[in-house]
Amino acid sequence: MEGFVEPETAVNEMSVVLVDETGEFVRRRIGGPRGIDVVAKIIDGPVYDVEETGYPQRMRERIERERILRKREEQRLRRERFERGESPDR
């Protein structure tokens, strides 16, 4: 497991994205710079600054795979509605 620290913005608090070896990830607020050390101890793994390293490729690939699967499911449902004579854009 690796952590990727995201900076504080006008809208969001400082947060960390935890990414496992399969690219699955979860985002959590860490409340500020002190939270980085806490996260590093908890996950017992590396913590990176996302502004310096970017997000890992496996995470980006997983997001893209899930987007494709969601799109396919939406198309399947639209096709089913169309074949039943219903409006496919419902």
PDB file of N, CA and C in Angstrom:
ATOM      1  N   MET A   1       0.850  -1.166   0.000  1.00  0.00           N
ATOM      2  CA  MET A   1       0.000   0.000   0.000  1.00  0.00           C
ATOM      3  C   MET A   1       0.895   1.228   0.000  1.00  0.00           C
ATOM      4  N   GLU A   2       0.474   2.210  -0.802  1.00  0.00           N
ATOM      5  CA  GLU A   2       1.202   3.473  -0.874  1.00  0.00           C
ATOM      6  C   GLU A   2       0.225   4.610  -0.620  1.00  0.00           C
ATOM      7  N   GLY A   3       0.737   5.706  -0.087  1.00  0.00           N
ATOM      8  CA  GLY A   3      -0.074   6.894   0.139  1.00  0.00           C
ATOM      9  C   GLY A   3       0.385   8.016  -0.766  1.00  0.00           C
ATOM     10  N   PHE A   4      -0.579   8.785  -1.267  1.00  0.00           N
ATOM     11  CA  PHE A   4      -0.287   9.932  -2.119  1.00  0.00           C
ATOM     12  C   PHE A   4      -0.993  11.141  -1.525  1.00  0.00           C
ATOM     13  N   VAL A   5      -0.209  12.069  -0.987  1.00  0.00           N
ATOM     14  CA  VAL A   5      -0.757  13.233  -0.303  1.00  0.00           C
ATOM     15  C   VAL A   5      -1.190  14.272  -1.327  1.00  0.00           C
ATOM     16  N   GLU A   6      -2.436  14.719  -1.168  1.00  0.00           N
ATOM     17  CA  GLU A   6      -2.990  15.766  -2.017  1.00  0.00           C
ATOM     18  C   GLU A   6      -3.004  17.070  -1.222  1.00  0.00           C
ATOM     19  N   PRO A   7      -2.629  18.166  -1.853  1.00  0.00           N
ATOM     20  CA  PRO A   7      -2.558  19.437  -1.129  1.00  0.00           C
ATOM     21  C   PRO A   7      -3.938  19.978  -0.766  1.00  0.00           C
ATOM     22  N   GLU A   8      -3.945  20.862   0.202  1.00  0.00           N
ATOM     23  CA  GLU A   8      -5.162  21.567   0.567  1.00  0.00           C
ATOM     24  C   GLU A   8      -5.512  22.536  -0.564  1.00  0.00           C
ATOM     25  N   THR A   9      -6.797  22.654  -0.831  1.00  0.00           N
ATOM     26  CA  THR A   9      -7.266  23.609  -1.838  1.00  0.00           C
ATOM     27  C   THR A   9      -8.320  24.506  -1.190  1.00  0.00           C
ATOM     28  N   ALA A  10      -8.842  25.437  -1.950  1.00  0.00           N
ATOM     29  CA  ALA A  10      -9.900  26.306  -1.435  1.00  0.00           C
ATOM     30  C   ALA A  10     -11.155  25.509  -1.087  1.00  0.00           C
ATOM     31  N   VAL A  11     -11.310  24.345  -1.713  1.00  0.00           N
ATOM     32  CA  VAL A  11     -12.518  23.536  -1.524  1.00  0.00           C
ATOM     33  C   VAL A  11     -12.284  22.333  -0.614  1.00  0.00           C
ATOM     34  N   ASN A  12     -11.094  21.726  -0.663  1.00  0.00           N
ATOM     35  CA  ASN A  12     -10.825  20.482   0.068  1.00  0.00           C
ATOM     36  C   ASN A  12      -9.677  20.620   1.052  1.00  0.00           C
ATOM     37  N   GLU A  13      -9.797  19.875   2.143  1.00  0.00           N
ATOM     38  CA  GLU A  13      -8.696  19.789   3.105  1.00  0.00           C
ATOM     39  C   GLU A  13      -7.582  18.936   2.518  1.00  0.00           C
ATOM     40  N   MET A  14      -6.405  18.991   3.134  1.00  0.00           N
ATOM     41  CA  MET A  14      -5.319  18.102   2.734  1.00  0.00           C
ATOM     42  C   MET A  14      -5.807  16.667   2.904  1.00  0.00           C
ATOM     43  N   SER A  15      -5.515  15.837   1.932  1.00  0.00           N
ATOM     44  CA  SER A  15      -5.992  14.456   1.984  1.00  0.00           C
ATOM     45  C   SER A  15      -4.912  13.508   1.492  1.00  0.00           C
ATOM     46  N   VAL A  16      -5.173  12.228   1.697  1.00  0.00           N
ATOM     47  CA  VAL A  16      -4.266  11.195   1.210  1.00  0.00           C
ATOM     48  C   VAL A  16      -5.085  10.177   0.433  1.00  0.00           C
ATOM     49  N   VAL A  17      -4.522   9.723  -0.676  1.00  0.00           N
ATOM     50  CA  VAL A  17      -5.123   8.650  -1.458  1.00  0.00           C
ATOM     51  C   VAL A  17      -4.284   7.409  -1.194  1.00  0.00           C
ATOM     52  N   LEU A  18      -4.923   6.382  -0.650  1.00  0.00           N
ATOM     53  CA  LEU A  18      -4.231   5.121  -0.380  1.00  0.00           C
ATOM     54  C   LEU A  18      -4.502   4.187  -1.553  1.00  0.00           C
ATOM     55  N   VAL A  19      -3.434   3.651  -2.141  1.00  0.00           N
ATOM     56  CA  VAL A  19      -3.557   2.820  -3.336  1.00  0.00           C
ATOM     57  C   VAL A  19      -2.916   1.460  -3.064  1.00  0.00           C
ATOM     58  N   ASP A  20      -3.672   0.382  -3.333  1.00  0.00           N
ATOM     59  CA  ASP A  20      -3.103  -0.950  -3.154  1.00  0.00           C
ATOM     60  C   ASP A  20      -2.470  -1.440  -4.454  1.00  0.00           C
ATOM     61  N   GLU A  21      -1.984  -2.676  -4.444  1.00  0.00           N
ATOM     62  CA  GLU A  21      -1.248  -3.209  -5.594  1.00  0.00           C
ATOM     63  C   GLU A  21      -2.131  -3.437  -6.819  1.00  0.00           C
ATOM     64  N   THR A  22      -3.451  -3.513  -6.624  1.00  0.00           N
ATOM     65  CA  THR A  22      -4.357  -3.713  -7.757  1.00  0.00           C
ATOM     66  C   THR A  22      -4.845  -2.392  -8.349  1.00  0.00           C
ATOM     67  N   GLY A  23      -4.507  -1.285  -7.702  1.00  0.00           N
ATOM     68  CA  GLY A  23      -4.954   0.016  -8.175  1.00  0.00           C
ATOM     69  C   GLY A  23      -6.206   0.509  -7.478  1.00  0.00           C
ATOM     70  N   GLU A  24      -6.771  -0.344  -6.604  1.00  0.00           N
ATOM     71  CA  GLU A  24      -7.936   0.104  -5.840  1.00  0.00           C
ATOM     72  C   GLU A  24      -7.474   1.203  -4.899  1.00  0.00           C
ATOM     73  N   PHE A  25      -8.317   2.214  -4.719  1.00  0.00           N
ATOM     74  CA  PHE A  25      -7.879   3.342  -3.901  1.00  0.00           C
ATOM     75  C   PHE A  25      -9.016   3.893  -3.059  1.00  0.00           C
ATOM     76  N   VAL A  26      -8.618   4.619  -2.028  1.00  0.00           N
ATOM     77  CA  VAL A  26      -9.565   5.309  -1.162  1.00  0.00           C
ATOM     78  C   VAL A  26      -8.929   6.650  -0.784  1.00  0.00           C
ATOM     79  N   ARG A  27      -9.761   7.676  -0.702  1.00  0.00           N
ATOM     80  CA  ARG A  27      -9.289   9.027  -0.381  1.00  0.00           C
ATOM     81  C   ARG A  27      -9.824   9.410   0.995  1.00  0.00           C
ATOM     82  N   ARG A  28      -8.945   9.948   1.835  1.00  0.00           N
ATOM     83  CA  ARG A  28      -9.336  10.376   3.182  1.00  0.00           C
ATOM     84  C   ARG A  28      -8.673  11.703   3.528  1.00  0.00           C
ATOM     85  N   ARG A  29      -9.405  12.530   4.264  1.00  0.00           N
ATOM     86  CA  ARG A  29      -8.826  13.778   4.774  1.00  0.00           C
ATOM     87  C   ARG A  29      -7.821  13.446   5.867  1.00  0.00           C
ATOM     88  N   ILE A  30      -6.734  14.209   5.919  1.00  0.00           N
ATOM     89  CA  ILE A  30      -5.741  13.965   6.973  1.00  0.00           C
ATOM     90  C   ILE A  30      -5.556  15.175   7.866  1.00  0.00           C
ATOM     91  N   GLY A  31      -6.253  16.259   7.582  1.00  0.00           N
ATOM     92  CA  GLY A  31      -6.284  17.392   8.489  1.00  0.00           C
ATOM     93  C   GLY A  31      -5.093  18.321   8.473  1.00  0.00           C
ATOM     94  N   GLY A  32      -4.058  18.017   7.749  1.00  0.00           N
ATOM     95  CA  GLY A  32      -2.898  18.909   7.692  1.00  0.00           C
ATOM     96  C   GLY A  32      -1.606  18.123   7.644  1.00  0.00           C
ATOM     97  N   PRO A  33      -0.492  18.831   7.632  1.00  0.00           N
ATOM     98  CA  PRO A  33       0.822  18.188   7.504  1.00  0.00           C
ATOM     99  C   PRO A  33       1.130  17.139   8.576  1.00  0.00           C
ATOM    100  N   ARG A  34       0.624  17.328   9.782  1.00  0.00           N
ATOM    101  CA  ARG A  34       0.888  16.329  10.838  1.00  0.00           C
ATOM    102  C   ARG A  34       0.276  14.976  10.502  1.00  0.00           C
ATOM    103  N   GLY A  35      -0.790  14.996   9.733  1.00  0.00           N
ATOM    104  CA  GLY A  35      -1.455  13.762   9.348  1.00  0.00           C
ATOM    105  C   GLY A  35      -0.605  12.879   8.448  1.00  0.00           C
ATOM    106  N   ILE A  36       0.363  13.474   7.746  1.00  0.00           N
ATOM    107  CA  ILE A  36       1.228  12.691   6.856  1.00  0.00           C
ATOM    108  C   ILE A  36       2.007  11.651   7.647  1.00  0.00           C
ATOM    109  N   ASP A  37       2.592  12.061   8.768  1.00  0.00           N
ATOM    110  CA  ASP A  37       3.359  11.119   9.607  1.00  0.00           C
ATOM    111  C   ASP A  37       2.471  10.021  10.175  1.00  0.00           C
ATOM    112  N   VAL A  38       1.262  10.392  10.564  1.00  0.00           N
ATOM    113  CA  VAL A  38       0.322   9.407  11.107  1.00  0.00           C
ATOM    114  C   VAL A  38      -0.010   8.366  10.044  1.00  0.00           C
ATOM    115  N   VAL A  39      -0.285   8.835   8.836  1.00  0.00           N
ATOM    116  CA  VAL A  39      -0.618   7.914   7.739  1.00  0.00           C
ATOM    117  C   VAL A  39       0.555   6.993   7.447  1.00  0.00           C
ATOM    118  N   ALA A  40       1.760   7.551   7.402  1.00  0.00           N
ATOM    119  CA  ALA A  40       2.955   6.745   7.115  1.00  0.00           C
ATOM    120  C   ALA A  40       3.126   5.624   8.144  1.00  0.00           C
ATOM    121  N   LYS A  41       2.860   5.917   9.408  1.00  0.00           N
ATOM    122  CA  LYS A  41       2.967   4.891  10.448  1.00  0.00           C
ATOM    123  C   LYS A  41       1.890   3.827  10.294  1.00  0.00           C
ATOM    124  N   ILE A  42       0.681   4.270  10.010  1.00  0.00           N
ATOM    125  CA  ILE A  42      -0.444   3.339   9.910  1.00  0.00           C
ATOM    126  C   ILE A  42      -0.281   2.376   8.744  1.00  0.00           C
ATOM    127  N   ILE A  43       0.071   2.893   7.568  1.00  0.00           N
ATOM    128  CA  ILE A  43       0.152   2.004   6.402  1.00  0.00           C
ATOM    129  C   ILE A  43       1.482   1.280   6.318  1.00  0.00           C
ATOM    130  N   ASP A  44       2.460   1.744   7.086  1.00  0.00           N
ATOM    131  CA  ASP A  44       3.788   1.122   7.094  1.00  0.00           C
ATOM    132  C   ASP A  44       4.318   0.972   5.665  1.00  0.00           C
ATOM    133  N   GLY A  45       4.166   2.037   4.908  1.00  0.00           N
ATOM    134  CA  GLY A  45       4.625   2.047   3.531  1.00  0.00           C
ATOM    135  C   GLY A  45       4.955   3.456   3.105  1.00  0.00           C
ATOM    136  N   PRO A  46       5.382   3.616   1.875  1.00  0.00           N
ATOM    137  CA  PRO A  46       5.788   4.938   1.411  1.00  0.00           C
ATOM    138  C   PRO A  46       4.607   5.895   1.240  1.00  0.00           C
ATOM    139  N   VAL A  47       4.887   7.167   1.469  1.00  0.00           N
ATOM    140  CA  VAL A  47       3.919   8.232   1.267  1.00  0.00           C
ATOM    141  C   VAL A  47       4.576   9.261   0.365  1.00  0.00           C
ATOM    142  N   TYR A  48       3.900   9.585  -0.739  1.00  0.00           N
ATOM    143  CA  TYR A  48       4.453  10.497  -1.734  1.00  0.00           C
ATOM    144  C   TYR A  48       3.622  11.773  -1.823  1.00  0.00           C
ATOM    145  N   ASP A  49       4.236  12.818  -2.321  1.00  0.00           N
ATOM    146  CA  ASP A  49       3.532  14.059  -2.633  1.00  0.00           C
ATOM    147  C   ASP A  49       3.018  13.921  -4.056  1.00  0.00           C
ATOM    148  N   VAL A  50       1.710  13.898  -4.222  1.00  0.00           N
ATOM    149  CA  VAL A  50       1.123  13.651  -5.538  1.00  0.00           C
ATOM    150  C   VAL A  50       1.510  14.742  -6.537  1.00  0.00           C
ATOM    151  N   GLU A  51       1.802  15.933  -6.058  1.00  0.00           N
ATOM    152  CA  GLU A  51       2.214  17.005  -6.971  1.00  0.00           C
ATOM    153  C   GLU A  51       3.595  16.735  -7.567  1.00  0.00           C
ATOM    154  N   GLU A  52       4.399  15.948  -6.878  1.00  0.00           N
ATOM    155  CA  GLU A  52       5.731  15.613  -7.378  1.00  0.00           C
ATOM    156  C   GLU A  52       5.741  14.317  -8.190  1.00  0.00           C
ATOM    157  N   THR A  53       4.962  13.331  -7.748  1.00  0.00           N
ATOM    158  CA  THR A  53       5.025  12.007  -8.375  1.00  0.00           C
ATOM    159  C   THR A  53       3.873  11.714  -9.315  1.00  0.00           C
ATOM    160  N   GLY A  54       2.747  12.391  -9.117  1.00  0.00           N
ATOM    161  CA  GLY A  54       1.534  12.027  -9.841  1.00  0.00           C
ATOM    162  C   GLY A  54       0.934  10.772  -9.220  1.00  0.00           C
ATOM    163  N   TYR A  55      -0.204  10.348  -9.747  1.00  0.00           N
ATOM    164  CA  TYR A  55      -0.851   9.132  -9.253  1.00  0.00           C
ATOM    165  C   TYR A  55      -0.231   7.929  -9.961  1.00  0.00           C
ATOM    166  N   PRO A  56      -0.217   6.771  -9.311  1.00  0.00           N
ATOM    167  CA  PRO A  56       0.395   5.592  -9.947  1.00  0.00           C
ATOM    168  C   PRO A  56      -0.408   5.113 -11.157  1.00  0.00           C
ATOM    169  N   GLN A  57       0.297   4.555 -12.107  1.00  0.00           N
ATOM    170  CA  GLN A  57      -0.321   4.068 -13.345  1.00  0.00           C
ATOM    171  C   GLN A  57      -1.419   3.051 -13.070  1.00  0.00           C
ATOM    172  N   ARG A  58      -1.195   2.158 -12.101  1.00  0.00           N
ATOM    173  CA  ARG A  58      -2.191   1.111 -11.818  1.00  0.00           C
ATOM    174  C   ARG A  58      -3.515   1.721 -11.354  1.00  0.00           C
ATOM    175  N   MET A  59      -3.458   2.858 -10.663  1.00  0.00           N
ATOM    176  CA  MET A  59      -4.674   3.544 -10.231  1.00  0.00           C
ATOM    177  C   MET A  59      -5.388   4.155 -11.435  1.00  0.00           C
ATOM    178  N   ARG A  60      -4.640   4.802 -12.308  1.00  0.00           N
ATOM    179  CA  ARG A  60      -5.240   5.405 -13.501  1.00  0.00           C
ATOM    180  C   ARG A  60      -5.858   4.330 -14.396  1.00  0.00           C
ATOM    181  N   GLU A  61      -5.184   3.187 -14.519  1.00  0.00           N
ATOM    182  CA  GLU A  61      -5.717   2.091 -15.330  1.00  0.00           C
ATOM    183  C   GLU A  61      -7.003   1.527 -14.729  1.00  0.00           C
ATOM    184  N   ARG A  62      -7.042   1.419 -13.418  1.00  0.00           N
ATOM    185  CA  ARG A  62      -8.250   0.901 -12.767  1.00  0.00           C
ATOM    186  C   ARG A  62      -9.422   1.855 -12.978  1.00  0.00           C
ATOM    187  N   ILE A  63      -9.182   3.147 -12.837  1.00  0.00           N
ATOM    188  CA  ILE A  63     -10.233   4.142 -13.055  1.00  0.00           C
ATOM    189  C   ILE A  63     -10.765   4.029 -14.477  1.00  0.00           C
ATOM    190  N   GLU A  64      -9.870   3.883 -15.436  1.00  0.00           N
ATOM    191  CA  GLU A  64     -10.279   3.767 -16.839  1.00  0.00           C
ATOM    192  C   GLU A  64     -11.074   2.477 -17.076  1.00  0.00           C
ATOM    193  N   ARG A  65     -10.626   1.354 -16.500  1.00  0.00           N
ATOM    194  CA  ARG A  65     -11.351   0.082 -16.632  1.00  0.00           C
ATOM    195  C   ARG A  65     -12.770   0.212 -16.078  1.00  0.00           C
ATOM    196  N   GLU A  66     -12.888   0.822 -14.884  1.00  0.00           N
ATOM    197  CA  GLU A  66     -14.199   0.974 -14.264  1.00  0.00           C
ATOM    198  C   GLU A  66     -15.095   1.897 -15.083  1.00  0.00           C
ATOM    199  N   ARG A  67     -14.519   2.931 -15.689  1.00  0.00           N
ATOM    200  CA  ARG A  67     -15.284   3.834 -16.539  1.00  0.00           C
ATOM    201  C   ARG A  67     -15.835   3.087 -17.754  1.00  0.00           C
ATOM    202  N   ILE A  68     -14.999   2.260 -18.360  1.00  0.00           N
ATOM    203  CA  ILE A  68     -15.423   1.471 -19.521  1.00  0.00           C
ATOM    204  C   ILE A  68     -16.532   0.500 -19.139  1.00  0.00           C
ATOM    205  N   LEU A  69     -16.398  -0.187 -18.016  1.00  0.00           N
ATOM    206  CA  LEU A  69     -17.420  -1.135 -17.575  1.00  0.00           C
ATOM    207  C   LEU A  69     -18.737  -0.434 -17.264  1.00  0.00           C
ATOM    208  N   ARG A  70     -18.662   0.751 -16.627  1.00  0.00           N
ATOM    209  CA  ARG A  70     -19.874   1.526 -16.358  1.00  0.00           C
ATOM    210  C   ARG A  70     -20.568   1.925 -17.655  1.00  0.00           C
ATOM    211  N   LYS A  71     -19.793   2.373 -18.618  1.00  0.00           N
ATOM    212  CA  LYS A  71     -20.342   2.790 -19.914  1.00  0.00           C
ATOM    213  C   LYS A  71     -21.014   1.610 -20.623  1.00  0.00           C
ATOM    214  N   ARG A  72     -20.363   0.438 -20.590  1.00  0.00           N
ATOM    215  CA  ARG A  72     -20.954  -0.756 -21.214  1.00  0.00           C
ATOM    216  C   ARG A  72     -22.279  -1.116 -20.565  1.00  0.00           C
ATOM    217  N   GLU A  73     -22.345  -1.022 -19.239  1.00  0.00           N
ATOM    218  CA  GLU A  73     -23.578  -1.343 -18.523  1.00  0.00           C
ATOM    219  C   GLU A  73     -24.674  -0.347 -18.876  1.00  0.00           C
ATOM    220  N   GLU A  74     -24.336   0.923 -18.954  1.00  0.00           N
ATOM    221  CA  GLU A  74     -25.322   1.936 -19.344  1.00  0.00           C
ATOM    222  C   GLU A  74     -25.848   1.649 -20.745  1.00  0.00           C
ATOM    223  N   GLN A  75     -24.962   1.284 -21.667  1.00  0.00           N
ATOM    224  CA  GLN A  75     -25.377   0.978 -23.034  1.00  0.00           C
ATOM    225  C   GLN A  75     -26.273  -0.259 -23.082  1.00  0.00           C
ATOM    226  N   ARG A  76     -25.938  -1.263 -22.277  1.00  0.00           N
ATOM    227  CA  ARG A  76     -26.751  -2.479 -22.224  1.00  0.00           C
ATOM    228  C   ARG A  76     -28.164  -2.156 -21.741  1.00  0.00           C
ATOM    229  N   LEU A  77     -28.272  -1.338 -20.701  1.00  0.00           N
ATOM    230  CA  LEU A  77     -29.585  -0.971 -20.163  1.00  0.00           C
ATOM    231  C   LEU A  77     -30.388  -0.146 -21.169  1.00  0.00           C
ATOM    232  N   ARG A  78     -29.725   0.783 -21.852  1.00  0.00           N
ATOM    233  CA  ARG A  78     -30.403   1.579 -22.875  1.00  0.00           C
ATOM    234  C   ARG A  78     -30.923   0.680 -24.005  1.00  0.00           C
ATOM    235  N   ARG A  79     -30.107  -0.301 -24.405  1.00  0.00           N
ATOM    236  CA  ARG A  79     -30.496  -1.230 -25.465  1.00  0.00           C
ATOM    237  C   ARG A  79     -31.719  -2.040 -25.035  1.00  0.00           C
ATOM    238  N   GLU A  80     -31.717  -2.521 -23.784  1.00  0.00           N
ATOM    239  CA  GLU A  80     -32.857  -3.291 -23.271  1.00  0.00           C
ATOM    240  C   GLU A  80     -34.130  -2.450 -23.290  1.00  0.00           C
ATOM    241  N   ARG A  81     -34.035  -1.191 -22.840  1.00  0.00           N
ATOM    242  CA  ARG A  81     -35.210  -0.310 -22.841  1.00  0.00           C
ATOM    243  C   ARG A  81     -35.705  -0.064 -24.268  1.00  0.00           C
ATOM    244  N   PHE A  82     -34.777   0.153 -25.180  1.00  0.00           N
ATOM    245  CA  PHE A  82     -35.133   0.379 -26.586  1.00  0.00           C
ATOM    246  C   PHE A  82     -35.857  -0.835 -27.160  1.00  0.00           C
ATOM    247  N   GLU A  83     -35.340  -2.035 -26.856  1.00  0.00           N
ATOM    248  CA  GLU A  83     -35.931  -3.264 -27.384  1.00  0.00           C
ATOM    249  C   GLU A  83     -37.318  -3.517 -26.789  1.00  0.00           C
ATOM    250  N   ARG A  84     -37.583  -2.993 -25.607  1.00  0.00           N
ATOM    251  CA  ARG A  84     -38.910  -3.117 -24.995  1.00  0.00           C
ATOM    252  C   ARG A  84     -39.852  -2.013 -25.475  1.00  0.00           C
ATOM    253  N   GLY A  85     -39.326  -1.105 -26.302  1.00  0.00           N
ATOM    254  CA  GLY A  85     -40.148  -0.011 -26.819  1.00  0.00           C
ATOM    255  C   GLY A  85     -40.220   1.183 -25.902  1.00  0.00           C
ATOM    256  N   GLU A  86     -39.383   1.216 -24.895  1.00  0.00           N
ATOM    257  CA  GLU A  86     -39.351   2.353 -23.982  1.00  0.00           C
ATOM    258  C   GLU A  86     -38.334   3.381 -24.482  1.00  0.00           C
ATOM    259  N   SER A  87     -38.405   4.557 -23.905  1.00  0.00           N
ATOM    260  CA  SER A  87     -37.433   5.588 -24.257  1.00  0.00           C
ATOM    261  C   SER A  87     -36.074   5.180 -23.684  1.00  0.00           C
ATOM    262  N   PRO A  88     -35.036   5.060 -24.535  1.00  0.00           N
ATOM    263  CA  PRO A  88     -33.732   4.605 -24.055  1.00  0.00           C
ATOM    264  C   PRO A  88     -32.993   5.631 -23.198  1.00  0.00           C
ATOM    265  N   ASP A  89     -33.444   6.892 -23.226  1.00  0.00           N
ATOM    266  CA  ASP A  89     -32.741   7.948 -22.478  1.00  0.00           C
ATOM    267  C   ASP A  89     -33.335   8.231 -21.114  1.00  0.00           C
ATOM    268  N   ARG A  90     -34.109   7.319 -20.591  1.00  0.00           N
ATOM    269  CA  ARG A  90     -34.712   7.487 -19.289  1.00  0.00           C
ATOM    270  C   ARG A  90     -33.719   7.420 -18.187  1.00  0.00           C
TER     271      ARG A  90
END
